[in-house]
N, C-alpha and C. Protein backbone atom coordinates (compact mmCIF):
# COMPACT_ATOMS: atom_id res chain seq x y z
N MET A 1 108.93 14.28 45.82
CA MET A 1 108.88 15.47 46.64
C MET A 1 108.31 16.65 45.86
N ILE A 2 108.74 16.80 44.60
CA ILE A 2 108.25 17.91 43.80
C ILE A 2 106.78 17.72 43.47
N ARG A 3 106.37 16.49 43.26
CA ARG A 3 104.94 16.23 42.99
C ARG A 3 104.08 16.62 44.18
N ILE A 4 104.57 16.39 45.36
CA ILE A 4 103.82 16.78 46.56
C ILE A 4 103.68 18.28 46.62
N LEU A 5 104.75 19.01 46.32
CA LEU A 5 104.69 20.48 46.33
C LEU A 5 103.75 21.00 45.24
N ILE A 6 103.78 20.38 44.08
CA ILE A 6 102.88 20.80 43.01
C ILE A 6 101.43 20.52 43.40
N ASN A 7 101.18 19.38 44.00
CA ASN A 7 99.81 19.06 44.45
C ASN A 7 99.35 20.03 45.54
N LEU A 8 100.24 20.42 46.42
CA LEU A 8 99.88 21.41 47.45
C LEU A 8 99.59 22.76 46.82
N TYR A 9 100.35 23.13 45.79
CA TYR A 9 100.09 24.40 45.12
C TYR A 9 98.77 24.36 44.36
N ILE A 10 98.44 23.22 43.78
CA ILE A 10 97.15 23.07 43.11
C ILE A 10 96.03 23.20 44.14
N LEU A 11 96.20 22.62 45.30
CA LEU A 11 95.22 22.76 46.37
C LEU A 11 95.09 24.23 46.78
N LEU A 12 96.20 24.94 46.85
CA LEU A 12 96.17 26.36 47.18
C LEU A 12 95.39 27.15 46.12
N LEU A 13 95.57 26.80 44.86
CA LEU A 13 94.82 27.47 43.80
C LEU A 13 93.33 27.20 43.93
N ILE A 14 92.96 25.98 44.28
CA ILE A 14 91.55 25.65 44.45
C ILE A 14 90.96 26.41 45.63
N VAL A 15 91.71 26.52 46.71
CA VAL A 15 91.24 27.29 47.86
C VAL A 15 91.08 28.76 47.49
N ASP A 16 91.99 29.29 46.68
CA ASP A 16 91.88 30.67 46.23
C ASP A 16 90.62 30.88 45.39
N VAL A 17 90.31 29.94 44.53
CA VAL A 17 89.09 30.05 43.72
C VAL A 17 87.86 30.02 44.62
N ILE A 18 87.84 29.15 45.59
CA ILE A 18 86.70 29.08 46.52
C ILE A 18 86.58 30.37 47.31
N LEU A 19 87.71 30.91 47.77
CA LEU A 19 87.68 32.15 48.54
C LEU A 19 87.23 33.34 47.69
N SER A 20 87.43 33.27 46.39
CA SER A 20 86.97 34.37 45.55
C SER A 20 85.45 34.48 45.52
N TYR A 21 84.76 33.40 45.84
CA TYR A 21 83.30 33.42 45.92
C TYR A 21 82.79 33.74 47.31
N LEU A 22 83.68 33.93 48.26
CA LEU A 22 83.31 34.26 49.64
C LEU A 22 83.92 35.61 50.01
N PRO A 23 83.26 36.70 49.68
CA PRO A 23 83.87 38.02 49.89
C PRO A 23 84.06 38.41 51.36
N GLN A 24 83.40 37.75 52.27
CA GLN A 24 83.55 38.09 53.68
C GLN A 24 84.95 37.76 54.22
N TYR A 25 85.68 36.89 53.51
CA TYR A 25 87.03 36.53 53.95
C TYR A 25 88.13 37.28 53.19
N ARG A 26 87.75 38.17 52.31
CA ARG A 26 88.70 38.84 51.43
C ARG A 26 89.76 39.65 52.18
N HIS A 27 89.42 40.23 53.32
CA HIS A 27 90.35 41.11 54.03
C HIS A 27 91.06 40.44 55.20
N HIS A 28 90.91 39.15 55.35
CA HIS A 28 91.64 38.42 56.38
C HIS A 28 93.08 38.21 55.92
N GLN A 29 94.00 38.22 56.86
CA GLN A 29 95.41 38.10 56.53
C GLN A 29 95.73 36.77 55.85
N TRP A 30 95.15 35.67 56.32
CA TRP A 30 95.44 34.38 55.73
C TRP A 30 94.88 34.29 54.31
N ALA A 31 93.74 34.95 54.05
CA ALA A 31 93.17 34.93 52.71
C ALA A 31 94.01 35.78 51.75
N MET A 32 94.55 36.88 52.24
CA MET A 32 95.42 37.72 51.39
C MET A 32 96.73 37.00 51.08
N THR A 33 97.23 36.20 52.03
CA THR A 33 98.44 35.43 51.78
C THR A 33 98.20 34.36 50.71
N ILE A 34 97.07 33.70 50.80
CA ILE A 34 96.72 32.70 49.78
C ILE A 34 96.57 33.37 48.42
N LYS A 35 95.95 34.55 48.40
CA LYS A 35 95.77 35.27 47.14
C LYS A 35 97.10 35.66 46.52
N LYS A 36 98.05 36.12 47.34
CA LYS A 36 99.37 36.49 46.83
C LYS A 36 100.10 35.28 46.25
N ALA A 37 100.01 34.15 46.93
CA ALA A 37 100.68 32.94 46.45
C ALA A 37 100.05 32.44 45.16
N ALA A 38 98.74 32.54 45.04
CA ALA A 38 98.07 32.08 43.83
C ALA A 38 98.30 33.04 42.67
N ASP A 39 98.37 34.32 42.96
CA ASP A 39 98.59 35.31 41.90
C ASP A 39 99.99 35.24 41.31
N PHE A 40 100.89 34.58 41.98
CA PHE A 40 102.25 34.44 41.46
C PHE A 40 102.24 33.78 40.09
N THR A 41 101.40 32.78 39.89
CA THR A 41 101.32 32.10 38.60
C THR A 41 100.11 32.52 37.78
N CYS A 42 99.06 33.00 38.41
CA CYS A 42 97.85 33.35 37.68
C CYS A 42 97.92 34.73 37.02
N ARG A 43 98.63 35.66 37.62
CA ARG A 43 98.67 37.01 37.08
C ARG A 43 99.25 37.08 35.66
N PRO A 44 100.36 36.38 35.35
CA PRO A 44 100.85 36.44 33.96
C PRO A 44 99.85 35.90 32.95
N ILE A 45 99.08 34.91 33.34
CA ILE A 45 98.07 34.35 32.43
C ILE A 45 96.90 35.31 32.29
N ARG A 46 96.52 35.98 33.39
CA ARG A 46 95.45 36.98 33.32
C ARG A 46 95.83 38.14 32.40
N ASN A 47 97.11 38.50 32.38
CA ASN A 47 97.55 39.60 31.53
C ASN A 47 97.44 39.25 30.05
N VAL A 48 97.55 37.96 29.71
CA VAL A 48 97.47 37.53 28.32
C VAL A 48 96.02 37.34 27.87
N MET A 49 95.16 36.95 28.78
CA MET A 49 93.76 36.66 28.44
C MET A 49 92.99 37.97 28.23
N PRO A 50 91.92 37.92 27.42
CA PRO A 50 91.10 39.13 27.23
C PRO A 50 90.42 39.55 28.53
N PRO A 51 90.36 40.85 28.80
CA PRO A 51 89.80 41.31 30.09
C PRO A 51 88.29 41.21 30.21
N ASP A 52 87.58 41.02 29.11
CA ASP A 52 86.12 41.02 29.16
C ASP A 52 85.51 39.62 29.30
N MET A 53 86.30 38.67 29.74
CA MET A 53 85.77 37.31 29.94
C MET A 53 84.92 37.28 31.21
N PRO A 54 83.82 36.52 31.20
CA PRO A 54 82.94 36.52 32.37
C PRO A 54 83.52 35.78 33.57
N PHE A 55 84.41 34.84 33.34
CA PHE A 55 85.02 34.07 34.43
C PHE A 55 86.52 34.14 34.31
N ASP A 56 87.19 33.95 35.44
CA ASP A 56 88.64 33.93 35.45
C ASP A 56 89.10 32.48 35.28
N PHE A 57 89.61 32.17 34.10
CA PHE A 57 90.04 30.82 33.79
C PHE A 57 91.53 30.60 34.06
N SER A 58 92.22 31.60 34.58
CA SER A 58 93.66 31.46 34.79
C SER A 58 94.02 30.37 35.80
N PRO A 59 93.29 30.19 36.92
CA PRO A 59 93.64 29.06 37.80
C PRO A 59 93.48 27.71 37.12
N LEU A 60 92.46 27.57 36.29
CA LEU A 60 92.26 26.32 35.56
C LEU A 60 93.41 26.05 34.60
N ILE A 61 93.89 27.08 33.92
CA ILE A 61 95.00 26.93 33.00
C ILE A 61 96.28 26.56 33.75
N VAL A 62 96.50 27.19 34.91
CA VAL A 62 97.69 26.87 35.71
C VAL A 62 97.61 25.44 36.22
N ILE A 63 96.45 25.01 36.68
CA ILE A 63 96.30 23.65 37.19
C ILE A 63 96.54 22.64 36.06
N MET A 64 96.00 22.91 34.88
CA MET A 64 96.23 22.00 33.75
C MET A 64 97.71 21.96 33.37
N ALA A 65 98.38 23.11 33.38
CA ALA A 65 99.80 23.15 33.05
C ALA A 65 100.62 22.39 34.08
N LEU A 66 100.29 22.54 35.36
CA LEU A 66 101.03 21.82 36.40
C LEU A 66 100.80 20.32 36.30
N ASN A 67 99.57 19.91 36.02
CA ASN A 67 99.29 18.48 35.85
C ASN A 67 100.00 17.93 34.63
N LEU A 68 100.08 18.71 33.57
CA LEU A 68 100.84 18.29 32.38
C LEU A 68 102.31 18.14 32.71
N PHE A 69 102.86 19.08 33.49
CA PHE A 69 104.26 19.00 33.89
C PHE A 69 104.52 17.73 34.70
N VAL A 70 103.61 17.42 35.64
CA VAL A 70 103.77 16.20 36.45
C VAL A 70 103.68 14.96 35.58
N ALA A 71 102.76 14.97 34.62
CA ALA A 71 102.59 13.79 33.76
C ALA A 71 103.80 13.57 32.86
N LEU A 72 104.42 14.64 32.41
CA LEU A 72 105.57 14.50 31.52
C LEU A 72 106.85 14.11 32.24
N PHE A 73 106.97 14.54 33.48
CA PHE A 73 108.19 14.25 34.21
C PHE A 73 107.86 13.40 35.40
């Protein structure tokens, strides 16, 4: 059950990354909800990473950490 929830959250992170490249959907309510849910785990990582990076690697780091958690348990 927890693996299913983690996989759904990983899917949500991927959708958030895709939506970040589509600015026309940025102000839709469903897109803002997805952004809030994804920022729950990505924001602490963004705060640690240097701000002058050309790409936001925080979703990738969260996805790798979640996959590592699933693999270990």
